[in-house]
Amino acid sequence: IKECIRRNITDETKAKELIEQLKHRLDILSLCYTPLNSAIILYVYKQDDHKLPTTLTELYTLYTLHTLKRSVEIHFDDVDPDDITDLAHLSDPISLPFKALCEMAFNGLQND
């Protein structure tokens, strides 16, 4: 995990800070053993001013927000990605497909 952090965070001080923070956040550290989760944690850490989220829900919410903003930049000319600050208050062109994806995910979980 340390090697992965050092490869992805070029600022040695920030890399050491993350390693230290993870020592106190065993819930997030345990996720780092899965490469996809490591990528999400590193992405959110770098995007969110080099801070770890306080909860796992916040981690995934921040990742979803960042991913949604990137998607809006590519696919929606009439929506400013900087206006997206909260998943509960999305504009109609974004909220409808996002809600459909949420329903699909929820239904998939129910069927498992």
N, C-alpha and C. Protein backbone atom coordinates (compact mmCIF):
# COMPACT_ATOMS: atom_id res chain seq x y z
N ILE A 1 0.84 -1.19 0.00
CA ILE A 1 0.00 0.00 0.00
C ILE A 1 0.88 1.25 0.00
N LYS A 2 1.94 1.24 0.82
CA LYS A 2 2.84 2.39 0.86
C LYS A 2 3.47 2.64 -0.51
N GLU A 3 3.88 1.58 -1.18
CA GLU A 3 4.49 1.72 -2.49
C GLU A 3 3.49 2.31 -3.49
N CYS A 4 2.26 1.86 -3.43
CA CYS A 4 1.22 2.38 -4.33
C CYS A 4 0.99 3.87 -4.07
N ILE A 5 0.96 4.25 -2.82
CA ILE A 5 0.77 5.67 -2.47
C ILE A 5 1.92 6.50 -2.99
N ARG A 6 3.13 6.03 -2.78
CA ARG A 6 4.30 6.79 -3.22
C ARG A 6 4.40 6.89 -4.75
N ARG A 7 3.89 5.87 -5.46
CA ARG A 7 3.88 5.92 -6.92
C ARG A 7 2.86 6.92 -7.45
N ASN A 8 1.77 7.11 -6.71
CA ASN A 8 0.67 7.94 -7.20
C ASN A 8 0.65 9.36 -6.63
N ILE A 9 1.35 9.58 -5.55
CA ILE A 9 1.43 10.93 -4.97
C ILE A 9 2.89 11.34 -5.02
N THR A 10 3.20 12.23 -5.94
CA THR A 10 4.60 12.58 -6.18
C THR A 10 5.19 13.45 -5.08
N ASP A 11 4.36 14.20 -4.38
CA ASP A 11 4.84 15.02 -3.27
C ASP A 11 5.07 14.10 -2.06
N GLU A 12 6.34 13.90 -1.72
CA GLU A 12 6.71 12.97 -0.65
C GLU A 12 6.04 13.32 0.68
N THR A 13 5.92 14.60 0.97
CA THR A 13 5.29 15.03 2.22
C THR A 13 3.82 14.61 2.25
N LYS A 14 3.11 14.82 1.14
CA LYS A 14 1.69 14.44 1.06
C LYS A 14 1.53 12.93 1.14
N ALA A 15 2.45 12.20 0.51
CA ALA A 15 2.40 10.74 0.56
C ALA A 15 2.57 10.25 2.01
N LYS A 16 3.54 10.83 2.72
CA LYS A 16 3.75 10.45 4.12
C LYS A 16 2.54 10.81 4.99
N GLU A 17 1.93 11.96 4.71
CA GLU A 17 0.74 12.38 5.46
C GLU A 17 -0.40 11.38 5.27
N LEU A 18 -0.60 10.93 4.04
CA LEU A 18 -1.65 9.96 3.78
C LEU A 18 -1.36 8.64 4.49
N ILE A 19 -0.15 8.19 4.43
CA ILE A 19 0.23 6.95 5.11
C ILE A 19 -0.05 7.06 6.61
N GLU A 20 0.30 8.20 7.20
CA GLU A 20 0.04 8.42 8.63
C GLU A 20 -1.46 8.46 8.93
N GLN A 21 -2.23 9.14 8.06
CA GLN A 21 -3.68 9.21 8.27
C GLN A 21 -4.31 7.83 8.20
N LEU A 22 -3.83 7.01 7.28
CA LEU A 22 -4.39 5.67 7.13
C LEU A 22 -4.12 4.79 8.34
N LYS A 23 -3.03 5.05 9.06
CA LYS A 23 -2.74 4.29 10.28
C LYS A 23 -3.83 4.48 11.32
N HIS A 24 -4.52 5.61 11.26
CA HIS A 24 -5.57 5.92 12.23
C HIS A 24 -6.97 5.68 11.65
N ARG A 25 -7.03 5.34 10.39
CA ARG A 25 -8.32 5.09 9.72
C ARG A 25 -8.31 3.67 9.16
N LEU A 26 -8.43 2.71 10.05
CA LEU A 26 -8.35 1.31 9.64
C LEU A 26 -9.49 0.92 8.70
N ASP A 27 -10.64 1.60 8.82
CA ASP A 27 -11.75 1.31 7.91
C ASP A 27 -11.37 1.61 6.47
N ILE A 28 -10.69 2.72 6.26
CA ILE A 28 -10.27 3.08 4.91
C ILE A 28 -9.02 2.30 4.50
N LEU A 29 -8.11 2.09 5.43
CA LEU A 29 -6.91 1.31 5.14
C LEU A 29 -7.28 -0.08 4.64
N SER A 30 -8.26 -0.71 5.26
CA SER A 30 -8.65 -2.07 4.85
C SER A 30 -9.15 -2.10 3.41
N LEU A 31 -9.71 -1.00 2.93
CA LEU A 31 -10.17 -0.94 1.54
C LEU A 31 -9.01 -0.91 0.56
N CYS A 32 -7.86 -0.42 1.00
CA CYS A 32 -6.72 -0.23 0.12
C CYS A 32 -6.14 -1.53 -0.42
N TYR A 33 -6.54 -2.67 0.12
CA TYR A 33 -6.03 -3.95 -0.36
C TYR A 33 -6.68 -4.36 -1.68
N THR A 34 -7.73 -3.65 -2.08
CA THR A 34 -8.38 -3.87 -3.37
C THR A 34 -7.96 -2.72 -4.29
N PRO A 35 -7.36 -3.03 -5.43
CA PRO A 35 -6.84 -1.97 -6.30
C PRO A 35 -7.86 -0.89 -6.68
N LEU A 36 -9.09 -1.28 -6.99
CA LEU A 36 -10.09 -0.27 -7.35
C LEU A 36 -10.35 0.68 -6.19
N ASN A 37 -10.46 0.14 -4.99
CA ASN A 37 -10.67 0.99 -3.82
C ASN A 37 -9.48 1.90 -3.58
N SER A 38 -8.28 1.37 -3.77
CA SER A 38 -7.07 2.20 -3.62
C SER A 38 -7.12 3.37 -4.58
N ALA A 39 -7.51 3.10 -5.82
CA ALA A 39 -7.59 4.15 -6.83
C ALA A 39 -8.61 5.21 -6.43
N ILE A 40 -9.75 4.78 -5.90
CA ILE A 40 -10.78 5.73 -5.46
C ILE A 40 -10.26 6.58 -4.31
N ILE A 41 -9.64 5.95 -3.33
CA ILE A 41 -9.12 6.68 -2.17
C ILE A 41 -8.05 7.68 -2.59
N LEU A 42 -7.13 7.26 -3.44
CA LEU A 42 -6.08 8.16 -3.91
C LEU A 42 -6.67 9.31 -4.71
N TYR A 43 -7.64 9.02 -5.56
CA TYR A 43 -8.27 10.06 -6.37
C TYR A 43 -8.95 11.09 -5.49
N VAL A 44 -9.76 10.63 -4.54
CA VAL A 44 -10.47 11.56 -3.65
C VAL A 44 -9.48 12.35 -2.81
N TYR A 45 -8.44 11.69 -2.31
CA TYR A 45 -7.43 12.36 -1.49
C TYR A 45 -6.78 13.51 -2.27
N LYS A 46 -6.43 13.24 -3.53
CA LYS A 46 -5.80 14.28 -4.34
C LYS A 46 -6.77 15.38 -4.73
N GLN A 47 -8.01 15.03 -5.02
CA GLN A 47 -8.99 16.02 -5.45
C GLN A 47 -9.53 16.86 -4.30
N ASP A 48 -9.55 16.28 -3.11
CA ASP A 48 -10.15 16.95 -1.96
C ASP A 48 -9.09 17.57 -1.06
N ASP A 49 -8.15 18.28 -1.66
CA ASP A 49 -7.14 19.04 -0.93
C ASP A 49 -6.31 18.18 0.03
N HIS A 50 -6.01 16.96 -0.41
CA HIS A 50 -5.17 16.04 0.36
C HIS A 50 -5.72 15.78 1.76
N LYS A 51 -7.03 15.50 1.82
CA LYS A 51 -7.68 15.13 3.08
C LYS A 51 -8.43 13.82 2.86
N LEU A 52 -8.44 12.99 3.87
CA LEU A 52 -9.27 11.80 3.82
C LEU A 52 -10.67 12.16 4.29
N PRO A 53 -11.69 11.59 3.67
CA PRO A 53 -13.05 11.82 4.16
C PRO A 53 -13.20 11.24 5.56
N THR A 54 -14.18 11.73 6.28
CA THR A 54 -14.37 11.27 7.66
C THR A 54 -15.17 9.98 7.75
N THR A 55 -15.97 9.67 6.71
CA THR A 55 -16.76 8.43 6.70
C THR A 55 -16.63 7.75 5.35
N LEU A 56 -16.98 6.49 5.30
CA LEU A 56 -16.96 5.77 4.03
C LEU A 56 -18.02 6.33 3.08
N THR A 57 -19.15 6.73 3.62
CA THR A 57 -20.20 7.34 2.80
C THR A 57 -19.67 8.60 2.14
N GLU A 58 -18.95 9.41 2.90
CA GLU A 58 -18.37 10.63 2.34
C GLU A 58 -17.35 10.30 1.26
N LEU A 59 -16.57 9.26 1.46
CA LEU A 59 -15.59 8.83 0.46
C LEU A 59 -16.28 8.54 -0.87
N TYR A 60 -17.31 7.71 -0.84
CA TYR A 60 -17.98 7.33 -2.08
C TYR A 60 -18.82 8.47 -2.65
N THR A 61 -19.36 9.32 -1.81
CA THR A 61 -20.10 10.49 -2.29
C THR A 61 -19.17 11.44 -3.02
N LEU A 62 -18.01 11.72 -2.43
CA LEU A 62 -17.04 12.60 -3.09
C LEU A 62 -16.56 12.02 -4.42
N TYR A 63 -16.32 10.72 -4.43
CA TYR A 63 -15.89 10.07 -5.67
C TYR A 63 -16.99 10.18 -6.74
N THR A 64 -18.22 9.95 -6.33
CA THR A 64 -19.35 10.04 -7.27
C THR A 64 -19.49 11.47 -7.79
N LEU A 65 -19.36 12.46 -6.92
CA LEU A 65 -19.44 13.86 -7.35
C LEU A 65 -18.35 14.20 -8.36
N HIS A 66 -17.13 13.81 -8.06
CA HIS A 66 -16.01 14.10 -8.97
C HIS A 66 -16.20 13.39 -10.31
N THR A 67 -16.66 12.14 -10.26
CA THR A 67 -16.88 11.39 -11.49
C THR A 67 -18.02 12.00 -12.31
N LEU A 68 -19.07 12.41 -11.63
CA LEU A 68 -20.20 13.05 -12.29
C LEU A 68 -19.79 14.36 -12.95
N LYS A 69 -18.97 15.14 -12.27
CA LYS A 69 -18.49 16.40 -12.84
C LYS A 69 -17.68 16.16 -14.11
N ARG A 70 -16.82 15.14 -14.08
CA ARG A 70 -16.03 14.82 -15.28
C ARG A 70 -16.94 14.39 -16.43
N SER A 71 -17.95 13.61 -16.11
CA SER A 71 -18.89 13.18 -17.14
C SER A 71 -19.67 14.36 -17.72
N VAL A 72 -20.07 15.29 -16.88
CA VAL A 72 -20.80 16.47 -17.33
C VAL A 72 -19.93 17.31 -18.26
N GLU A 73 -18.66 17.45 -17.93
CA GLU A 73 -17.74 18.20 -18.79
C GLU A 73 -17.71 17.62 -20.21
N ILE A 74 -17.81 16.32 -20.31
CA ILE A 74 -17.71 15.65 -21.61
C ILE A 74 -19.05 15.64 -22.35
N HIS A 75 -20.14 15.39 -21.64
CA HIS A 75 -21.41 15.08 -22.30
C HIS A 75 -22.48 16.16 -22.25
N PHE A 76 -22.32 17.18 -21.41
CA PHE A 76 -23.37 18.20 -21.27
C PHE A 76 -22.79 19.59 -21.49
N ASP A 77 -23.04 20.15 -22.65
CA ASP A 77 -22.53 21.48 -22.96
C ASP A 77 -23.25 22.58 -22.19
N ASP A 78 -24.50 22.34 -21.83
CA ASP A 78 -25.31 23.37 -21.20
C ASP A 78 -25.29 23.34 -19.67
N VAL A 79 -24.44 22.51 -19.08
CA VAL A 79 -24.35 22.41 -17.62
C VAL A 79 -22.93 22.70 -17.18
N ASP A 80 -22.79 23.58 -16.20
CA ASP A 80 -21.47 23.90 -15.64
C ASP A 80 -21.13 22.89 -14.55
N PRO A 81 -20.07 22.12 -14.70
CA PRO A 81 -19.70 21.12 -13.69
C PRO A 81 -19.48 21.72 -12.30
N ASP A 82 -19.07 22.99 -12.25
CA ASP A 82 -18.83 23.62 -10.95
C ASP A 82 -20.13 23.88 -10.19
N ASP A 83 -21.25 23.81 -10.89
CA ASP A 83 -22.55 23.97 -10.22
C ASP A 83 -22.99 22.71 -9.48
N ILE A 84 -22.31 21.61 -9.73
CA ILE A 84 -22.65 20.34 -9.08
C ILE A 84 -21.91 20.27 -7.75
N THR A 85 -22.65 20.46 -6.68
CA THR A 85 -22.03 20.44 -5.35
C THR A 85 -22.68 19.43 -4.41
N ASP A 86 -23.84 18.88 -4.82
CA ASP A 86 -24.59 18.00 -3.94
C ASP A 86 -25.39 17.02 -4.79
N LEU A 87 -25.30 15.75 -4.51
CA LEU A 87 -26.01 14.75 -5.30
C LEU A 87 -27.52 14.85 -5.15
N ALA A 88 -27.99 15.42 -4.06
CA ALA A 88 -29.43 15.52 -3.82
C ALA A 88 -30.09 16.65 -4.61
N HIS A 89 -29.28 17.56 -5.15
CA HIS A 89 -29.83 18.73 -5.84
C HIS A 89 -29.21 18.89 -7.23
N LEU A 90 -29.43 17.90 -8.08
CA LEU A 90 -28.90 17.96 -9.44
C LEU A 90 -29.94 18.56 -10.38
N SER A 91 -29.47 19.25 -11.41
CA SER A 91 -30.40 19.82 -12.38
C SER A 91 -31.01 18.68 -13.21
N ASP A 92 -32.18 18.96 -13.83
CA ASP A 92 -32.92 17.92 -14.54
C ASP A 92 -32.14 17.15 -15.60
N PRO A 93 -31.34 17.82 -16.44
CA PRO A 93 -30.65 17.02 -17.46
C PRO A 93 -29.72 15.97 -16.86
N ILE A 94 -29.28 16.21 -15.64
CA ILE A 94 -28.36 15.28 -14.99
C ILE A 94 -29.11 14.37 -14.03
N SER A 95 -30.09 14.90 -13.32
CA SER A 95 -30.76 14.12 -12.28
C SER A 95 -31.53 12.93 -12.83
N LEU A 96 -32.12 13.07 -14.00
CA LEU A 96 -32.92 11.96 -14.54
C LEU A 96 -32.06 10.73 -14.85
N PRO A 97 -30.97 10.86 -15.62
CA PRO A 97 -30.15 9.66 -15.85
C PRO A 97 -29.45 9.18 -14.58
N PHE A 98 -29.09 10.12 -13.69
CA PHE A 98 -28.44 9.72 -12.45
C PHE A 98 -29.40 8.91 -11.57
N LYS A 99 -30.63 9.35 -11.47
CA LYS A 99 -31.63 8.61 -10.68
C LYS A 99 -31.88 7.23 -11.30
N ALA A 100 -31.89 7.16 -12.63
CA ALA A 100 -32.08 5.87 -13.29
C ALA A 100 -30.93 4.91 -12.95
N LEU A 101 -29.70 5.43 -12.94
CA LEU A 101 -28.56 4.60 -12.55
C LEU A 101 -28.65 4.15 -11.09
N CYS A 102 -29.10 5.07 -10.22
CA CYS A 102 -29.26 4.73 -8.80
C CYS A 102 -30.30 3.63 -8.62
N GLU A 103 -31.41 3.75 -9.33
CA GLU A 103 -32.46 2.73 -9.25
C GLU A 103 -31.95 1.38 -9.76
N MET A 104 -31.19 1.41 -10.85
CA MET A 104 -30.64 0.17 -11.39
C MET A 104 -29.70 -0.49 -10.37
N ALA A 105 -28.86 0.32 -9.73
CA ALA A 105 -27.94 -0.22 -8.72
C ALA A 105 -28.71 -0.77 -7.52
N PHE A 106 -29.72 -0.03 -7.07
CA PHE A 106 -30.52 -0.48 -5.93
C PHE A 106 -31.24 -1.78 -6.25
N ASN A 107 -31.83 -1.85 -7.43
CA ASN A 107 -32.54 -3.07 -7.83
C ASN A 107 -31.58 -4.25 -7.95
N GLY A 108 -30.38 -3.98 -8.43
CA GLY A 108 -29.38 -5.03 -8.52
C GLY A 108 -29.00 -5.57 -7.15
N LEU A 109 -28.90 -4.67 -6.17
CA LEU A 109 -28.59 -5.11 -4.81
C LEU A 109 -29.73 -5.93 -4.21
N GLN A 110 -30.95 -5.52 -4.50
CA GLN A 110 -32.11 -6.25 -3.98
C GLN A 110 -32.18 -7.65 -4.57
N ASN A 111 -31.75 -7.80 -5.81
CA ASN A 111 -31.86 -9.10 -6.49
C ASN A 111 -30.72 -10.05 -6.14
N ASP A 112 -29.69 -9.55 -5.48
CA ASP A 112 -28.57 -10.43 -5.11
C ASP A 112 -28.89 -11.30 -3.93
